[in-house]
Each structure stands twice: as C-alpha cells, then as structure tokens.
Amino acid sequence: MAVAKQSPTSSREEVADAIRRAILEGELAPGQRLVEAELCTSLNASRGAVRTALMDLAHEDLVERIANRGARVRVVTVEEAMQITEVRMALEILCAGKAAARVTDAQIGGLREIGARMAEAVESGDSVSYSSYNQQLHREVVRIADQPVAADILDRLRARNVRHQFRLAFRSGRAQEALPLRLAVIDAIARRDVAGAEEATRIYMTNVLHEFEKFVGEPTGALRPLR
C-alpha cells in the first residue's frame, strides 16, 4: 500500500530560521542559488512559505532576489564585513559588561571550561575545534548577559558575515594570536570586572577588524558550501 505524501508542515518562520541557520553554519555559501522547489522538499514546506521566507531574509540582507533568476545567498564584501564587525563590536562590548555584572559561579566554571578547550585546540593545531569553541564562547557570553535583543541582532550580523569569519578563523596562525585575547575576556568576566570585560572585548574585536583589513584585495576563493 502506497504511503500518502504528507502535507507541508514547515511555517514561514521555520523556513526562514532553517535557511538563516544554514547560512550561519556555512552550509549555504555566499552566491549559492536558493531553488524554491528544492527548499520545499528539504524543509517540507509549501511554495508560499518558502517564497515569503526568502522575502523576509532579503529584508535582513541575507538573501538577494534577482529578476528572472530567483534568489541566492547574498555576497558580502570585505568592506561591508568590516562595517558589520564595527556594529558587532558595540554589541559584544555591551554583552561582555553585562555578563561580568551578572555571571554566577557556575557560569564562570563553564566559561573557564570553554577557555581550556580552546587552549587545547590551539595546542593540537585543531583550527576547526577552536573556531567552534570560539563561537560557543560568543554565544555563552551573550546568554549570560541576558540581552535577547542584542542576541538576535548579533545572530543576524554573524549570518551576514559568516564567510569572512570562516576565512579569518582558518588563516594561518590566527588561533594562536586570538587565544590570549579571548582568555582575557573570560578572565575579566570571571573577576566580575565590568570595565575590564568591556575593554578586553574591545581589544579582541579591534584585532578582528585589523585582520579583516588584510583581506582587502584578496580573492575570496570558490563560493561553495563549507560542509
């Protein structure tokens, strides 16, 4: 007996969240086409839900719609990536200070654990794990800060900037250079030093900006999914 095909169940919001997450995690690369029929199948969504979700993501500047050619993941220039990072800096500094003011003993232990794992990844030359723990640290600081509006904005900014973040994360020697800056953020939050946490975050994010400056004029490489 044939099994009847189930009706689409994913809503417009669920479709948008799924595509946004795929961009953020590097599964969808800048310039990659977003075919509505394929998205309908993979996300079990109606054509209407997919189309409106893509429109929402276009308003977020994550997706661009091209006349008579459909949609694709938006390509962000290095110059725009630097502007995004400047905005991120303000929010990351805010969250670091709030985290230092609110952090609990248990949360300090969690941050220390992430820092230890980052150090182990650098010691073993595992850039993939270091990048993963670094992003985990970003998320944990924002969570401790209890700033949901900032968290939402940061997620959207990171999704727009994901390709350049991956390029930076896997640049030779980057993890070794960044590790002490990230540990300084953890130490300041653990001391509940609000000003220190803000300054350590400012130093780290300024360093990220300086690294992005080195990308100006460099080829971006093939635009392909990272997974």
C-alpha atoms as a PDB file:
ATOM      1  CA  MET A   1       0.000   0.000   0.000  1.00  0.00           C
ATOM      2  CA  ALA A   2       1.426   3.374  -1.004  1.00  0.00           C
ATOM      3  CA  VAL A   3       2.009   5.893   1.732  1.00  0.00           C
ATOM      4  CA  ALA A   4       0.222   9.158   1.067  1.00  0.00           C
ATOM      5  CA  LYS A   5       2.515  12.156   0.813  1.00  0.00           C
ATOM      6  CA  GLN A   6       2.271  14.315   3.909  1.00  0.00           C
ATOM      7  CA  SER A   7       1.172  17.910   3.595  1.00  0.00           C
ATOM      8  CA  PRO A   8       3.859  20.578   4.093  1.00  0.00           C
ATOM      9  CA  THR A   9       4.259  21.350   7.788  1.00  0.00           C
ATOM     10  CA  SER A  10       7.010  23.994   7.998  1.00  0.00           C
ATOM     11  CA  SER A  11       5.808  27.540   8.547  1.00  0.00           C
ATOM     12  CA  ARG A  12       7.236  30.689   7.026  1.00  0.00           C
ATOM     13  CA  GLU A  13       9.137  31.410  10.262  1.00  0.00           C
ATOM     14  CA  GLU A  14      10.519  27.876  10.468  1.00  0.00           C
ATOM     15  CA  VAL A  15      11.713  28.017   6.877  1.00  0.00           C
ATOM     16  CA  ALA A  16      13.410  31.372   7.440  1.00  0.00           C
ATOM     17  CA  ASP A  17      15.065  30.068  10.623  1.00  0.00           C
ATOM     18  CA  ALA A  18      16.329  26.949   8.838  1.00  0.00           C
ATOM     19  CA  ILE A  19      17.843  28.906   5.942  1.00  0.00           C
ATOM     20  CA  ARG A  20      19.317  31.505   8.289  1.00  0.00           C
ATOM     21  CA  ARG A  21      20.915  28.745  10.379  1.00  0.00           C
ATOM     22  CA  ALA A  22      22.340  27.069   7.257  1.00  0.00           C
ATOM     23  CA  ILE A  23      23.931  30.363   6.207  1.00  0.00           C
ATOM     24  CA  LEU A  24      25.304  30.942   9.703  1.00  0.00           C
ATOM     25  CA  GLU A  25      26.814  27.445   9.888  1.00  0.00           C
ATOM     26  CA  GLY A  26      28.340  27.693   6.418  1.00  0.00           C
ATOM     27  CA  GLU A  27      26.148  25.044   4.820  1.00  0.00           C
ATOM     28  CA  LEU A  28      24.953  27.632   2.301  1.00  0.00           C
ATOM     29  CA  ALA A  29      27.735  29.688   0.764  1.00  0.00           C
ATOM     30  CA  PRO A  30      27.657  33.295  -0.473  1.00  0.00           C
ATOM     31  CA  GLY A  31      26.454  33.356  -4.069  1.00  0.00           C
ATOM     32  CA  GLN A  32      24.772  29.955  -3.807  1.00  0.00           C
ATOM     33  CA  ARG A  33      21.387  29.731  -5.537  1.00  0.00           C
ATOM     34  CA  LEU A  34      18.333  29.046  -3.426  1.00  0.00           C
ATOM     35  CA  VAL A  35      15.950  26.980  -5.531  1.00  0.00           C
ATOM     36  CA  GLU A  36      12.410  27.168  -4.204  1.00  0.00           C
ATOM     37  CA  ALA A  37      11.447  23.654  -5.335  1.00  0.00           C
ATOM     38  CA  GLU A  38      14.463  22.139  -3.592  1.00  0.00           C
ATOM     39  CA  LEU A  39      13.795  24.093  -0.403  1.00  0.00           C
ATOM     40  CA  CYS A  40      10.156  22.975  -0.426  1.00  0.00           C
ATOM     41  CA  THR A  41      11.280  19.352  -0.491  1.00  0.00           C
ATOM     42  CA  SER A  42      14.122  19.566   2.013  1.00  0.00           C
ATOM     43  CA  LEU A  43      12.180  21.678   4.511  1.00  0.00           C
ATOM     44  CA  ASN A  44       8.767  20.055   3.953  1.00  0.00           C
ATOM     45  CA  ALA A  45       7.272  23.447   3.253  1.00  0.00           C
ATOM     46  CA  SER A  46       4.813  24.926   0.804  1.00  0.00           C
ATOM     47  CA  ARG A  47       5.976  27.105  -2.072  1.00  0.00           C
ATOM     48  CA  GLY A  48       4.247  30.065  -0.426  1.00  0.00           C
ATOM     49  CA  ALA A  49       6.078  29.555   2.884  1.00  0.00           C
ATOM     50  CA  VAL A  50       9.432  29.295   1.104  1.00  0.00           C
ATOM     51  CA  ARG A  51       8.798  32.346  -1.063  1.00  0.00           C
ATOM     52  CA  THR A  52       7.750  34.566   1.847  1.00  0.00           C
ATOM     53  CA  ALA A  53      10.642  33.287   3.984  1.00  0.00           C
ATOM     54  CA  LEU A  54      13.077  34.277   1.229  1.00  0.00           C
ATOM     55  CA  MET A  55      11.467  37.704   1.114  1.00  0.00           C
ATOM     56  CA  ASP A  56      11.975  38.057   4.876  1.00  0.00           C
ATOM     57  CA  LEU A  57      15.627  37.044   4.555  1.00  0.00           C
ATOM     58  CA  ALA A  58      16.067  39.514   1.706  1.00  0.00           C
ATOM     59  CA  HIS A  59      14.880  42.258   4.064  1.00  0.00           C
ATOM     60  CA  GLU A  60      17.578  41.082   6.506  1.00  0.00           C
ATOM     61  CA  ASP A  61      20.189  41.344   3.705  1.00  0.00           C
ATOM     62  CA  LEU A  62      20.982  37.631   3.995  1.00  0.00           C
ATOM     63  CA  VAL A  63      19.440  36.782   0.634  1.00  0.00           C
ATOM     64  CA  GLU A  64      19.166  38.721  -2.615  1.00  0.00           C
ATOM     65  CA  ARG A  65      16.468  38.212  -5.203  1.00  0.00           C
ATOM     66  CA  ILE A  66      17.489  38.588  -8.853  1.00  0.00           C
ATOM     67  CA  ALA A  67      14.888  39.330 -11.518  1.00  0.00           C
ATOM     68  CA  ASN A  68      14.037  36.215 -13.559  1.00  0.00           C
ATOM     69  CA  ARG A  69      16.763  34.210 -11.795  1.00  0.00           C
ATOM     70  CA  GLY A  70      15.357  33.535  -8.338  1.00  0.00           C
ATOM     71  CA  ALA A  71      17.264  34.018  -5.099  1.00  0.00           C
ATOM     72  CA  ARG A  72      20.769  33.422  -3.840  1.00  0.00           C
ATOM     73  CA  VAL A  73      22.746  33.857  -0.634  1.00  0.00           C
ATOM     74  CA  ARG A  74      23.977  37.428  -0.590  1.00  0.00           C
ATOM     75  CA  VAL A  75      27.697  38.052  -1.118  1.00  0.00           C
ATOM     76  CA  VAL A  76      29.218  40.445   1.431  1.00  0.00           C
ATOM     77  CA  THR A  77      32.308  42.459   0.505  1.00  0.00           C
ATOM     78  CA  VAL A  78      35.255  42.810   2.868  1.00  0.00           C
ATOM     79  CA  GLU A  79      34.433  46.489   3.314  1.00  0.00           C
ATOM     80  CA  GLU A  80      30.884  45.640   4.356  1.00  0.00           C
ATOM     81  CA  ALA A  81      32.196  42.877   6.615  1.00  0.00           C
ATOM     82  CA  MET A  82      34.284  45.454   8.432  1.00  0.00           C
ATOM     83  CA  GLN A  83      31.262  47.709   8.914  1.00  0.00           C
ATOM     84  CA  ILE A  84      29.289  44.742  10.266  1.00  0.00           C
ATOM     85  CA  THR A  85      32.137  43.986  12.659  1.00  0.00           C
ATOM     86  CA  GLU A  86      32.148  47.575  13.926  1.00  0.00           C
ATOM     87  CA  VAL A  87      28.461  47.246  14.795  1.00  0.00           C
ATOM     88  CA  ARG A  88      29.095  43.851  16.351  1.00  0.00           C
ATOM     89  CA  MET A  89      31.857  45.373  18.463  1.00  0.00           C
ATOM     90  CA  ALA A  90      29.446  47.738  20.194  1.00  0.00           C
ATOM     91  CA  LEU A  91      27.043  44.910  20.997  1.00  0.00           C
ATOM     92  CA  GLU A  92      29.768  42.459  22.057  1.00  0.00           C
ATOM     93  CA  ILE A  93      31.197  45.088  24.425  1.00  0.00           C
ATOM     94  CA  LEU A  94      27.741  45.701  25.884  1.00  0.00           C
ATOM     95  CA  CYS A  95      27.176  41.981  26.432  1.00  0.00           C
ATOM     96  CA  ALA A  96      30.614  41.401  27.961  1.00  0.00           C
ATOM     97  CA  GLY A  97      29.995  44.134  30.532  1.00  0.00           C
ATOM     98  CA  LYS A  98      26.522  42.828  31.344  1.00  0.00           C
ATOM     99  CA  ALA A  99      27.898  39.285  31.631  1.00  0.00           C
ATOM    100  CA  ALA A 100      30.576  40.418  34.086  1.00  0.00           C
ATOM    101  CA  ALA A 101      27.898  42.049  36.220  1.00  0.00           C
ATOM    102  CA  ARG A 102      25.581  39.038  36.211  1.00  0.00           C
ATOM    103  CA  VAL A 103      27.777  35.954  35.958  1.00  0.00           C
ATOM    104  CA  THR A 104      27.302  33.182  38.548  1.00  0.00           C
ATOM    105  CA  ASP A 105      29.962  30.892  39.956  1.00  0.00           C
ATOM    106  CA  ALA A 106      28.609  28.008  37.894  1.00  0.00           C
ATOM    107  CA  GLN A 107      28.709  30.100  34.732  1.00  0.00           C
ATOM    108  CA  ILE A 108      32.291  31.125  35.477  1.00  0.00           C
ATOM    109  CA  GLY A 109      33.159  27.440  35.588  1.00  0.00           C
ATOM    110  CA  GLY A 110      31.522  26.949  32.202  1.00  0.00           C
ATOM    111  CA  LEU A 111      33.439  29.846  30.665  1.00  0.00           C
ATOM    112  CA  ARG A 112      36.709  28.530  32.100  1.00  0.00           C
ATOM    113  CA  GLU A 113      35.950  25.129  30.574  1.00  0.00           C
ATOM    114  CA  ILE A 114      35.393  26.663  27.144  1.00  0.00           C
ATOM    115  CA  GLY A 115      38.667  28.558  27.506  1.00  0.00           C
ATOM    116  CA  ALA A 116      40.516  25.365  28.418  1.00  0.00           C
ATOM    117  CA  ARG A 117      39.105  23.589  25.378  1.00  0.00           C
ATOM    118  CA  MET A 118      40.110  26.494  23.154  1.00  0.00           C
ATOM    119  CA  ALA A 119      43.657  26.275  24.513  1.00  0.00           C
ATOM    120  CA  GLU A 120      43.735  22.515  23.904  1.00  0.00           C
ATOM    121  CA  ALA A 121      42.569  23.039  20.323  1.00  0.00           C
ATOM    122  CA  VAL A 122      45.334  25.584  19.706  1.00  0.00           C
ATOM    123  CA  GLU A 123      47.921  23.269  21.256  1.00  0.00           C
ATOM    124  CA  SER A 124      46.864  20.424  18.949  1.00  0.00           C
ATOM    125  CA  GLY A 125      46.565  22.656  15.882  1.00  0.00           C
ATOM    126  CA  ASP A 126      42.845  21.927  15.547  1.00  0.00           C
ATOM    127  CA  SER A 127      41.509  25.122  13.932  1.00  0.00           C
ATOM    128  CA  VAL A 128      38.063  23.627  13.359  1.00  0.00           C
ATOM    129  CA  SER A 129      37.524  22.895  17.046  1.00  0.00           C
ATOM    130  CA  TYR A 130      38.999  26.235  18.077  1.00  0.00           C
ATOM    131  CA  SER A 131      36.569  28.070  15.794  1.00  0.00           C
ATOM    132  CA  SER A 132      33.655  26.057  17.183  1.00  0.00           C
ATOM    133  CA  TYR A 133      34.615  26.784  20.811  1.00  0.00           C
ATOM    134  CA  ASN A 134      35.167  30.446  19.964  1.00  0.00           C
ATOM    135  CA  GLN A 135      31.635  30.733  18.619  1.00  0.00           C
ATOM    136  CA  GLN A 136      30.380  28.860  21.690  1.00  0.00           C
ATOM    137  CA  LEU A 137      32.112  31.455  23.868  1.00  0.00           C
ATOM    138  CA  HIS A 138      30.447  34.297  21.951  1.00  0.00           C
ATOM    139  CA  ARG A 139      27.032  32.696  22.467  1.00  0.00           C
ATOM    140  CA  GLU A 140      27.619  31.931  26.153  1.00  0.00           C
ATOM    141  CA  VAL A 141      28.692  35.489  26.974  1.00  0.00           C
ATOM    142  CA  VAL A 142      25.550  36.835  25.288  1.00  0.00           C
ATOM    143  CA  ARG A 143      23.411  34.261  27.125  1.00  0.00           C
ATOM    144  CA  ILE A 144      24.894  35.211  30.493  1.00  0.00           C
ATOM    145  CA  ALA A 145      24.395  38.891  29.664  1.00  0.00           C
ATOM    146  CA  ASP A 146      20.669  38.183  29.289  1.00  0.00           C
ATOM    147  CA  GLN A 147      20.312  40.589  26.379  1.00  0.00           C
ATOM    148  CA  PRO A 148      17.833  38.918  23.980  1.00  0.00           C
ATOM    149  CA  VAL A 149      17.593  41.920  21.657  1.00  0.00           C
ATOM    150  CA  ALA A 150      21.372  42.096  21.301  1.00  0.00           C
ATOM    151  CA  ALA A 151      21.481  38.323  20.856  1.00  0.00           C
ATOM    152  CA  ASP A 152      19.011  38.471  17.968  1.00  0.00           C
ATOM    153  CA  ILE A 153      20.885  41.284  16.229  1.00  0.00           C
ATOM    154  CA  LEU A 154      24.237  39.548  16.706  1.00  0.00           C
ATOM    155  CA  ASP A 155      22.911  36.318  15.199  1.00  0.00           C
ATOM    156  CA  ARG A 156      21.760  38.192  12.104  1.00  0.00           C
ATOM    157  CA  LEU A 157      25.032  40.087  11.779  1.00  0.00           C
ATOM    158  CA  ARG A 158      27.069  36.900  12.162  1.00  0.00           C
ATOM    159  CA  ALA A 159      24.984  35.200   9.484  1.00  0.00           C
ATOM    160  CA  ARG A 160      25.711  38.038   7.054  1.00  0.00           C
ATOM    161  CA  ASN A 161      29.421  37.884   7.834  1.00  0.00           C
ATOM    162  CA  VAL A 162      29.912  34.134   8.053  1.00  0.00           C
ATOM    163  CA  ARG A 163      32.154  33.620   5.008  1.00  0.00           C
ATOM    164  CA  HIS A 164      34.698  36.200   6.155  1.00  0.00           C
ATOM    165  CA  GLN A 165      34.564  34.818   9.694  1.00  0.00           C
ATOM    166  CA  PHE A 166      35.467  31.368   8.362  1.00  0.00           C
ATOM    167  CA  ARG A 167      38.274  32.852   6.251  1.00  0.00           C
ATOM    168  CA  LEU A 168      39.654  34.570   9.349  1.00  0.00           C
ATOM    169  CA  ALA A 169      39.255  31.548  11.625  1.00  0.00           C
ATOM    170  CA  PHE A 170      41.343  29.338   9.344  1.00  0.00           C
ATOM    171  CA  ARG A 171      44.025  31.881   8.491  1.00  0.00           C
ATOM    172  CA  SER A 172      47.457  30.522   9.407  1.00  0.00           C
ATOM    173  CA  GLY A 173      48.420  31.461  12.966  1.00  0.00           C
ATOM    174  CA  ARG A 174      45.078  33.131  13.698  1.00  0.00           C
ATOM    175  CA  ALA A 175      44.053  30.855  16.576  1.00  0.00           C
ATOM    176  CA  GLN A 176      47.400  31.287  18.344  1.00  0.00           C
ATOM    177  CA  GLU A 177      47.111  35.064  18.059  1.00  0.00           C
ATOM    178  CA  ALA A 178      43.479  35.267  19.152  1.00  0.00           C
ATOM    179  CA  LEU A 179      43.571  32.807  22.068  1.00  0.00           C
ATOM    180  CA  PRO A 180      45.143  35.122  24.688  1.00  0.00           C
ATOM    181  CA  LEU A 181      42.689  37.869  23.707  1.00  0.00           C
ATOM    182  CA  ARG A 182      39.726  35.540  24.212  1.00  0.00           C
ATOM    183  CA  LEU A 183      41.111  34.227  27.515  1.00  0.00           C
ATOM    184  CA  ALA A 184      41.471  37.832  28.693  1.00  0.00           C
ATOM    185  CA  VAL A 185      37.729  38.298  28.123  1.00  0.00           C
ATOM    186  CA  ILE A 186      36.987  35.168  30.148  1.00  0.00           C
ATOM    187  CA  ASP A 187      39.296  36.264  32.964  1.00  0.00           C
ATOM    188  CA  ALA A 188      37.694  39.701  33.219  1.00  0.00           C
ATOM    189  CA  ILE A 189      34.164  38.275  33.298  1.00  0.00           C
ATOM    190  CA  ALA A 190      35.258  35.693  35.880  1.00  0.00           C
ATOM    191  CA  ARG A 191      36.581  38.531  38.079  1.00  0.00           C
ATOM    192  CA  ARG A 192      33.241  40.295  37.583  1.00  0.00           C
ATOM    193  CA  ASP A 193      35.243  43.253  36.299  1.00  0.00           C
ATOM    194  CA  VAL A 194      32.739  45.120  34.108  1.00  0.00           C
ATOM    195  CA  ALA A 195      35.158  47.708  32.731  1.00  0.00           C
ATOM    196  CA  GLY A 196      37.834  45.065  32.230  1.00  0.00           C
ATOM    197  CA  ALA A 197      35.475  42.780  30.325  1.00  0.00           C
ATOM    198  CA  GLU A 198      34.389  45.641  28.085  1.00  0.00           C
ATOM    199  CA  GLU A 199      37.985  46.667  27.388  1.00  0.00           C
ATOM    200  CA  ALA A 200      39.149  43.086  26.737  1.00  0.00           C
ATOM    201  CA  THR A 201      36.291  42.664  24.271  1.00  0.00           C
ATOM    202  CA  ARG A 202      37.126  45.975  22.596  1.00  0.00           C
ATOM    203  CA  ILE A 203      40.737  44.835  22.143  1.00  0.00           C
ATOM    204  CA  TYR A 204      39.671  41.493  20.691  1.00  0.00           C
ATOM    205  CA  MET A 205      37.136  42.968  18.267  1.00  0.00           C
ATOM    206  CA  THR A 206      39.613  45.668  17.173  1.00  0.00           C
ATOM    207  CA  ASN A 207      42.046  42.877  16.406  1.00  0.00           C
ATOM    208  CA  VAL A 208      39.373  41.175  14.283  1.00  0.00           C
ATOM    209  CA  LEU A 209      38.899  44.414  12.356  1.00  0.00           C
ATOM    210  CA  HIS A 210      42.620  44.714  11.714  1.00  0.00           C
ATOM    211  CA  GLU A 211      42.669  41.132  10.435  1.00  0.00           C
ATOM    212  CA  PHE A 212      39.774  41.837   8.070  1.00  0.00           C
ATOM    213  CA  GLU A 213      41.776  44.748   6.634  1.00  0.00           C
ATOM    214  CA  LYS A 214      44.285  42.178   5.360  1.00  0.00           C
ATOM    215  CA  PHE A 215      41.557  40.618   3.201  1.00  0.00           C
ATOM    216  CA  VAL A 216      41.070  43.771   1.145  1.00  0.00           C
ATOM    217  CA  GLY A 217      42.038  42.980  -2.430  1.00  0.00           C
ATOM    218  CA  GLU A 218      42.434  39.253  -1.772  1.00  0.00           C
ATOM    219  CA  PRO A 219      40.406  36.739  -3.843  1.00  0.00           C
ATOM    220  CA  THR A 220      37.617  35.152  -1.822  1.00  0.00           C
ATOM    221  CA  GLY A 221      38.105  31.713  -3.349  1.00  0.00           C
ATOM    222  CA  ALA A 222      35.430  29.399  -4.652  1.00  0.00           C
ATOM    223  CA  LEU A 223      31.981  30.087  -3.309  1.00  0.00           C
ATOM    224  CA  ARG A 224      30.892  26.669  -2.160  1.00  0.00           C
ATOM    225  CA  PRO A 225      29.238  25.135   0.896  1.00  0.00           C
ATOM    226  CA  LEU A 226      31.659  24.574   3.757  1.00  0.00           C
ATOM    227  CA  ARG A 227      30.038  21.270   4.683  1.00  0.00           C
END
